[in-house]
């Protein structure tokens, strides 16, 4: 009888905890603005001049929707959909007039996000997801002339982290860094290389 009562008590406790976790649902919409940071890349086969391709640091924008479906107090788990838009990244490659002068990029990467201390004023978080990137190269080469590069869609892996600061009921300030890793964009170089497009931004979160 005691064992049966103990089993009932454990089951009731687990049920209450799970129900409480699912009851604390919330949605968030967020917007951020920041910069795209892309490291220089070496180009094989260059015997003279600077063998590196350089990328400009462009203003970049993010919109984000997330739904928190589990909250255990010390940590919460959310599904988020970050959409990042880089309207113009300049490309420089001195040895030859072979790269488009710039390109735009879109990233859409549904992800899982884990927040620590989600109901406190300071909540650090990490995000891991995957989706696709859309690259649209300029039709003009760096030093003039037409470019043969065409738009392409690549699979992309996203990992990120940040800090939400929320002294108000419904609003938070968010600082974040996300790394979007994909195959090389269509710039006529290093087609077999991996490409890391880092977004560092600051924005505002509205919870409801």
C-alpha atoms as a PDB file:
ATOM      1  CA  UNK A   1       0.000   0.000   0.000  1.00  0.00           C
ATOM      2  CA  UNK A   2       2.822   2.405   0.874  1.00  0.00           C
ATOM      3  CA  UNK A   3       4.538   1.662  -2.427  1.00  0.00           C
ATOM      4  CA  UNK A   4       1.298   2.335  -4.295  1.00  0.00           C
ATOM      5  CA  UNK A   5       0.836   5.656  -2.502  1.00  0.00           C
ATOM      6  CA  UNK A   6       4.428   6.608  -3.252  1.00  0.00           C
ATOM      7  CA  UNK A   7       3.897   5.811  -6.950  1.00  0.00           C
ATOM      8  CA  UNK A   8       0.752   7.922  -7.027  1.00  0.00           C
ATOM      9  CA  UNK A   9       2.578  10.832  -5.345  1.00  0.00           C
ATOM     10  CA  UNK A  10       5.461  10.649  -7.849  1.00  0.00           C
ATOM     11  CA  UNK A  11       3.048  10.515 -10.787  1.00  0.00           C
ATOM     12  CA  UNK A  12       1.085  13.472  -9.427  1.00  0.00           C
ATOM     13  CA  UNK A  13       4.261  15.506  -8.900  1.00  0.00           C
ATOM     14  CA  UNK A  14       5.513  14.807 -12.419  1.00  0.00           C
ATOM     15  CA  UNK A  15       2.103  15.670 -13.869  1.00  0.00           C
ATOM     16  CA  UNK A  16       2.011  18.985 -12.007  1.00  0.00           C
ATOM     17  CA  UNK A  17       5.544  19.897 -13.125  1.00  0.00           C
ATOM     18  CA  UNK A  18       4.868  19.066 -16.775  1.00  0.00           C
ATOM     19  CA  UNK A  19       1.504  20.840 -16.752  1.00  0.00           C
ATOM     20  CA  UNK A  20       3.107  23.890 -15.180  1.00  0.00           C
ATOM     21  CA  UNK A  21       5.870  23.900 -17.773  1.00  0.00           C
ATOM     22  CA  UNK A  22       3.428  23.716 -20.669  1.00  0.00           C
ATOM     23  CA  UNK A  23       1.078  26.287 -19.123  1.00  0.00           C
ATOM     24  CA  UNK A  24       3.762  28.970 -19.187  1.00  0.00           C
ATOM     25  CA  UNK A  25       3.613  29.466 -22.910  1.00  0.00           C
ATOM     26  CA  UNK A  26       4.625  32.723 -24.522  1.00  0.00           C
ATOM     27  CA  UNK A  27       5.381  34.215 -27.897  1.00  0.00           C
ATOM     28  CA  UNK A  28       7.988  36.748 -28.891  1.00  0.00           C
ATOM     29  CA  UNK A  29       8.591  38.956 -31.901  1.00  0.00           C
ATOM     30  CA  UNK A  30      11.958  40.657 -32.225  1.00  0.00           C
ATOM     31  CA  UNK A  31      13.835  42.951 -34.543  1.00  0.00           C
ATOM     32  CA  UNK A  32      17.571  43.586 -34.610  1.00  0.00           C
ATOM     33  CA  UNK A  33      20.027  45.653 -36.608  1.00  0.00           C
ATOM     34  CA  UNK A  34      23.752  45.052 -36.803  1.00  0.00           C
ATOM     35  CA  UNK A  35      26.687  44.225 -39.022  1.00  0.00           C
ATOM     36  CA  UNK A  36      27.708  41.248 -41.129  1.00  0.00           C
ATOM     37  CA  UNK A  37      31.262  40.090 -40.451  1.00  0.00           C
ATOM     38  CA  UNK A  38      32.925  37.813 -43.024  1.00  0.00           C
ATOM     39  CA  UNK A  39      36.556  36.765 -42.780  1.00  0.00           C
ATOM     40  CA  UNK A  40      38.935  37.188 -45.723  1.00  0.00           C
ATOM     41  CA  UNK A  41      39.442  34.011 -47.729  1.00  0.00           C
ATOM     42  CA  UNK A  42      42.526  32.784 -49.522  1.00  0.00           C
ATOM     43  CA  UNK A  43      42.159  31.827 -53.185  1.00  0.00           C
ATOM     44  CA  UNK A  44      44.220  28.906 -54.467  1.00  0.00           C
ATOM     45  CA  UNK A  45      46.248  29.198 -57.666  1.00  0.00           C
ATOM     46  CA  UNK A  46      47.160  32.885 -57.248  1.00  0.00           C
ATOM     47  CA  UNK A  47      50.917  33.356 -57.800  1.00  0.00           C
ATOM     48  CA  UNK A  48      51.101  37.172 -57.705  1.00  0.00           C
ATOM     49  CA  UNK A  49      49.316  39.981 -55.939  1.00  0.00           C
ATOM     50  CA  UNK A  50      47.039  39.573 -52.928  1.00  0.00           C
ATOM     51  CA  UNK A  51      45.623  36.018 -52.931  1.00  0.00           C
ATOM     52  CA  UNK A  52      42.750  36.912 -50.595  1.00  0.00           C
ATOM     53  CA  UNK A  53      39.168  37.860 -51.346  1.00  0.00           C
ATOM     54  CA  UNK A  54      37.851  40.549 -49.005  1.00  0.00           C
ATOM     55  CA  UNK A  55      34.258  41.072 -47.914  1.00  0.00           C
ATOM     56  CA  UNK A  56      32.815  44.361 -46.682  1.00  0.00           C
ATOM     57  CA  UNK A  57      30.988  44.679 -43.384  1.00  0.00           C
ATOM     58  CA  UNK A  58      27.402  45.465 -44.309  1.00  0.00           C
ATOM     59  CA  UNK A  59      24.439  46.699 -42.299  1.00  0.00           C
ATOM     60  CA  UNK A  60      22.206  43.693 -41.696  1.00  0.00           C
ATOM     61  CA  UNK A  61      18.668  43.260 -40.355  1.00  0.00           C
ATOM     62  CA  UNK A  62      16.873  40.466 -38.516  1.00  0.00           C
ATOM     63  CA  UNK A  63      13.249  39.661 -37.816  1.00  0.00           C
ATOM     64  CA  UNK A  64      12.461  36.845 -35.394  1.00  0.00           C
ATOM     65  CA  UNK A  65       9.397  35.016 -34.122  1.00  0.00           C
ATOM     66  CA  UNK A  66       9.639  32.493 -31.305  1.00  0.00           C
ATOM     67  CA  UNK A  67       7.325  30.347 -29.212  1.00  0.00           C
ATOM     68  CA  UNK A  68       8.358  29.130 -25.779  1.00  0.00           C
ATOM     69  CA  UNK A  69       6.803  25.740 -25.096  1.00  0.00           C
ATOM     70  CA  UNK A  70       8.695  24.638 -21.986  1.00  0.00           C
ATOM     71  CA  UNK A  71       9.719  26.706 -18.969  1.00  0.00           C
ATOM     72  CA  UNK A  72      11.292  25.033 -15.961  1.00  0.00           C
ATOM     73  CA  UNK A  73      12.235  28.252 -14.191  1.00  0.00           C
ATOM     74  CA  UNK A  74      15.989  27.901 -14.438  1.00  0.00           C
ATOM     75  CA  UNK A  75      15.784  27.256 -18.198  1.00  0.00           C
ATOM     76  CA  UNK A  76      13.283  27.390 -21.043  1.00  0.00           C
ATOM     77  CA  UNK A  77      13.107  25.897 -24.528  1.00  0.00           C
ATOM     78  CA  UNK A  78      11.720  27.804 -27.499  1.00  0.00           C
ATOM     79  CA  UNK A  79      11.293  27.265 -31.211  1.00  0.00           C
ATOM     80  CA  UNK A  80      12.376  30.352 -33.134  1.00  0.00           C
ATOM     81  CA  UNK A  81      12.413  31.460 -36.769  1.00  0.00           C
ATOM     82  CA  UNK A  82      15.152  34.035 -37.403  1.00  0.00           C
ATOM     83  CA  UNK A  83      15.130  35.735 -40.808  1.00  0.00           C
ATOM     84  CA  UNK A  84      18.289  37.719 -41.539  1.00  0.00           C
ATOM     85  CA  UNK A  85      18.729  40.048 -44.525  1.00  0.00           C
ATOM     86  CA  UNK A  86      22.053  41.463 -45.700  1.00  0.00           C
ATOM     87  CA  UNK A  87      21.209  43.871 -48.549  1.00  0.00           C
ATOM     88  CA  UNK A  88      24.734  44.548 -49.804  1.00  0.00           C
ATOM     89  CA  UNK A  89      28.087  42.943 -49.044  1.00  0.00           C
ATOM     90  CA  UNK A  90      30.937  44.331 -51.142  1.00  0.00           C
ATOM     91  CA  UNK A  91      33.500  41.928 -52.625  1.00  0.00           C
ATOM     92  CA  UNK A  92      37.121  42.835 -53.407  1.00  0.00           C
ATOM     93  CA  UNK A  93      39.623  40.646 -55.241  1.00  0.00           C
ATOM     94  CA  UNK A  94      42.524  42.524 -56.806  1.00  0.00           C
ATOM     95  CA  UNK A  95      44.349  39.912 -58.924  1.00  0.00           C
ATOM     96  CA  UNK A  96      41.561  39.614 -61.508  1.00  0.00           C
ATOM     97  CA  UNK A  97      38.261  41.181 -62.503  1.00  0.00           C
ATOM     98  CA  UNK A  98      36.300  38.000 -61.853  1.00  0.00           C
ATOM     99  CA  UNK A  99      34.035  38.638 -58.870  1.00  0.00           C
ATOM    100  CA  UNK A 100      30.713  40.534 -58.712  1.00  0.00           C
ATOM    101  CA  UNK A 101      31.145  43.855 -56.943  1.00  0.00           C
ATOM    102  CA  UNK A 102      28.634  42.897 -54.236  1.00  0.00           C
ATOM    103  CA  UNK A 103      25.831  40.495 -53.345  1.00  0.00           C
ATOM    104  CA  UNK A 104      22.782  40.367 -51.104  1.00  0.00           C
ATOM    105  CA  UNK A 105      21.880  37.471 -48.834  1.00  0.00           C
ATOM    106  CA  UNK A 106      18.830  36.102 -47.018  1.00  0.00           C
ATOM    107  CA  UNK A 107      19.002  33.501 -44.255  1.00  0.00           C
ATOM    108  CA  UNK A 108      16.022  31.552 -42.923  1.00  0.00           C
ATOM    109  CA  UNK A 109      16.944  29.030 -40.227  1.00  0.00           C
ATOM    110  CA  UNK A 110      14.280  27.568 -37.898  1.00  0.00           C
ATOM    111  CA  UNK A 111      16.029  26.778 -34.637  1.00  0.00           C
ATOM    112  CA  UNK A 112      15.771  25.584 -31.053  1.00  0.00           C
ATOM    113  CA  UNK A 113      16.714  28.185 -28.440  1.00  0.00           C
ATOM    114  CA  UNK A 114      17.539  27.532 -24.794  1.00  0.00           C
ATOM    115  CA  UNK A 115      17.305  30.464 -22.370  1.00  0.00           C
ATOM    116  CA  UNK A 116      18.776  30.389 -18.879  1.00  0.00           C
ATOM    117  CA  UNK A 117      16.776  32.217 -16.188  1.00  0.00           C
ATOM    118  CA  UNK A 118      14.069  33.218 -18.717  1.00  0.00           C
ATOM    119  CA  UNK A 119      11.935  35.138 -16.202  1.00  0.00           C
ATOM    120  CA  UNK A 120      14.762  37.250 -14.773  1.00  0.00           C
ATOM    121  CA  UNK A 121      16.137  40.588 -15.952  1.00  0.00           C
ATOM    122  CA  UNK A 122      19.223  38.915 -17.472  1.00  0.00           C
ATOM    123  CA  UNK A 123      18.713  35.832 -19.621  1.00  0.00           C
ATOM    124  CA  UNK A 124      21.603  34.384 -21.684  1.00  0.00           C
ATOM    125  CA  UNK A 125      20.693  31.996 -24.487  1.00  0.00           C
ATOM    126  CA  UNK A 126      22.024  29.739 -27.228  1.00  0.00           C
ATOM    127  CA  UNK A 127      20.419  28.799 -30.541  1.00  0.00           C
ATOM    128  CA  UNK A 128      21.018  25.962 -33.010  1.00  0.00           C
ATOM    129  CA  UNK A 129      19.176  25.516 -36.283  1.00  0.00           C
ATOM    130  CA  UNK A 130      19.312  24.885 -40.014  1.00  0.00           C
ATOM    131  CA  UNK A 131      17.596  26.133 -43.119  1.00  0.00           C
ATOM    132  CA  UNK A 132      18.576  27.851 -46.328  1.00  0.00           C
ATOM    133  CA  UNK A 133      20.423  30.902 -47.609  1.00  0.00           C
ATOM    134  CA  UNK A 134      19.623  32.811 -50.787  1.00  0.00           C
ATOM    135  CA  UNK A 135      22.490  34.704 -52.430  1.00  0.00           C
ATOM    136  CA  UNK A 136      21.904  37.293 -55.180  1.00  0.00           C
ATOM    137  CA  UNK A 137      25.133  38.536 -56.808  1.00  0.00           C
ATOM    138  CA  UNK A 138      25.386  41.856 -58.617  1.00  0.00           C
ATOM    139  CA  UNK A 139      25.317  41.542 -62.415  1.00  0.00           C
ATOM    140  CA  UNK A 140      28.341  43.871 -62.638  1.00  0.00           C
ATOM    141  CA  UNK A 141      31.930  42.786 -61.945  1.00  0.00           C
ATOM    142  CA  UNK A 142      34.126  44.553 -59.391  1.00  0.00           C
ATOM    143  CA  UNK A 143      36.016  46.590 -62.038  1.00  0.00           C
ATOM    144  CA  UNK A 144      33.153  46.855 -64.544  1.00  0.00           C
ATOM    145  CA  UNK A 145      31.706  44.541 -67.142  1.00  0.00           C
ATOM    146  CA  UNK A 146      28.997  41.923 -66.926  1.00  0.00           C
ATOM    147  CA  UNK A 147      29.113  39.133 -64.367  1.00  0.00           C
ATOM    148  CA  UNK A 148      28.054  35.587 -65.192  1.00  0.00           C
ATOM    149  CA  UNK A 149      27.322  34.782 -61.537  1.00  0.00           C
ATOM    150  CA  UNK A 150      23.704  33.809 -60.904  1.00  0.00           C
ATOM    151  CA  UNK A 151      21.572  33.637 -57.776  1.00  0.00           C
ATOM    152  CA  UNK A 152      21.635  30.416 -55.817  1.00  0.00           C
ATOM    153  CA  UNK A 153      20.092  28.810 -52.744  1.00  0.00           C
ATOM    154  CA  UNK A 154      22.337  26.955 -50.293  1.00  0.00           C
ATOM    155  CA  UNK A 155      21.642  24.826 -47.259  1.00  0.00           C
ATOM    156  CA  UNK A 156      22.876  26.587 -44.128  1.00  0.00           C
ATOM    157  CA  UNK A 157      23.613  25.688 -40.510  1.00  0.00           C
ATOM    158  CA  UNK A 158      23.106  28.336 -37.819  1.00  0.00           C
ATOM    159  CA  UNK A 159      24.539  28.574 -34.309  1.00  0.00           C
ATOM    160  CA  UNK A 160      24.189  31.639 -32.142  1.00  0.00           C
ATOM    161  CA  UNK A 161      24.074  33.111 -28.685  1.00  0.00           C
ATOM    162  CA  UNK A 162      23.035  36.254 -26.934  1.00  0.00           C
ATOM    163  CA  UNK A 163      21.707  38.025 -23.882  1.00  0.00           C
ATOM    164  CA  UNK A 164      18.183  39.330 -23.260  1.00  0.00           C
ATOM    165  CA  UNK A 165      17.887  42.198 -20.775  1.00  0.00           C
ATOM    166  CA  UNK A 166      14.309  42.655 -19.641  1.00  0.00           C
ATOM    167  CA  UNK A 167      13.596  45.279 -16.978  1.00  0.00           C
ATOM    168  CA  UNK A 168      10.056  45.784 -18.363  1.00  0.00           C
ATOM    169  CA  UNK A 169       7.008  43.503 -18.462  1.00  0.00           C
ATOM    170  CA  UNK A 170       6.716  42.965 -22.206  1.00  0.00           C
ATOM    171  CA  UNK A 171       9.924  44.376 -23.670  1.00  0.00           C
ATOM    172  CA  UNK A 172      13.528  43.222 -23.652  1.00  0.00           C
ATOM    173  CA  UNK A 173      16.749  44.454 -25.185  1.00  0.00           C
ATOM    174  CA  UNK A 174      18.646  41.757 -27.082  1.00  0.00           C
ATOM    175  CA  UNK A 175      22.299  41.522 -28.006  1.00  0.00           C
ATOM    176  CA  UNK A 176      23.210  38.590 -30.221  1.00  0.00           C
ATOM    177  CA  UNK A 177      25.720  36.926 -32.498  1.00  0.00           C
ATOM    178  CA  UNK A 178      24.752  34.309 -35.089  1.00  0.00           C
ATOM    179  CA  UNK A 179      27.003  32.358 -37.429  1.00  0.00           C
ATOM    180  CA  UNK A 180      25.424  31.173 -40.697  1.00  0.00           C
ATOM    181  CA  UNK A 181      27.630  28.510 -42.279  1.00  0.00           C
ATOM    182  CA  UNK A 182      27.000  27.419 -45.869  1.00  0.00           C
ATOM    183  CA  UNK A 183      28.779  26.620 -49.093  1.00  0.00           C
ATOM    184  CA  UNK A 184      30.449  29.511 -50.930  1.00  0.00           C
ATOM    185  CA  UNK A 185      28.099  32.185 -52.386  1.00  0.00           C
ATOM    186  CA  UNK A 186      28.166  32.640 -56.191  1.00  0.00           C
ATOM    187  CA  UNK A 187      31.215  34.908 -56.522  1.00  0.00           C
ATOM    188  CA  UNK A 188      33.144  32.710 -59.022  1.00  0.00           C
ATOM    189  CA  UNK A 189      35.774  31.680 -56.433  1.00  0.00           C
ATOM    190  CA  UNK A 190      36.342  28.813 -53.976  1.00  0.00           C
ATOM    191  CA  UNK A 191      33.193  26.930 -54.934  1.00  0.00           C
ATOM    192  CA  UNK A 192      34.133  23.966 -52.740  1.00  0.00           C
ATOM    193  CA  UNK A 193      34.875  26.084 -49.626  1.00  0.00           C
ATOM    194  CA  UNK A 194      32.668  26.615 -46.593  1.00  0.00           C
ATOM    195  CA  UNK A 195      31.517  30.166 -45.926  1.00  0.00           C
ATOM    196  CA  UNK A 196      30.814  31.738 -42.528  1.00  0.00           C
ATOM    197  CA  UNK A 197      28.510  34.775 -42.465  1.00  0.00           C
ATOM    198  CA  UNK A 198      28.457  36.210 -38.929  1.00  0.00           C
ATOM    199  CA  UNK A 199      25.713  38.592 -37.826  1.00  0.00           C
ATOM    200  CA  UNK A 200      26.246  40.721 -34.699  1.00  0.00           C
ATOM    201  CA  UNK A 201      23.231  42.790 -33.739  1.00  0.00           C
ATOM    202  CA  UNK A 202      21.279  44.701 -31.136  1.00  0.00           C
ATOM    203  CA  UNK A 203      17.507  44.842 -31.011  1.00  0.00           C
ATOM    204  CA  UNK A 204      14.197  44.859 -29.169  1.00  0.00           C
ATOM    205  CA  UNK A 205      11.997  41.921 -28.145  1.00  0.00           C
ATOM    206  CA  UNK A 206       8.251  42.102 -27.492  1.00  0.00           C
ATOM    207  CA  UNK A 207       6.697  39.247 -25.487  1.00  0.00           C
ATOM    208  CA  UNK A 208       2.998  38.362 -25.516  1.00  0.00           C
END
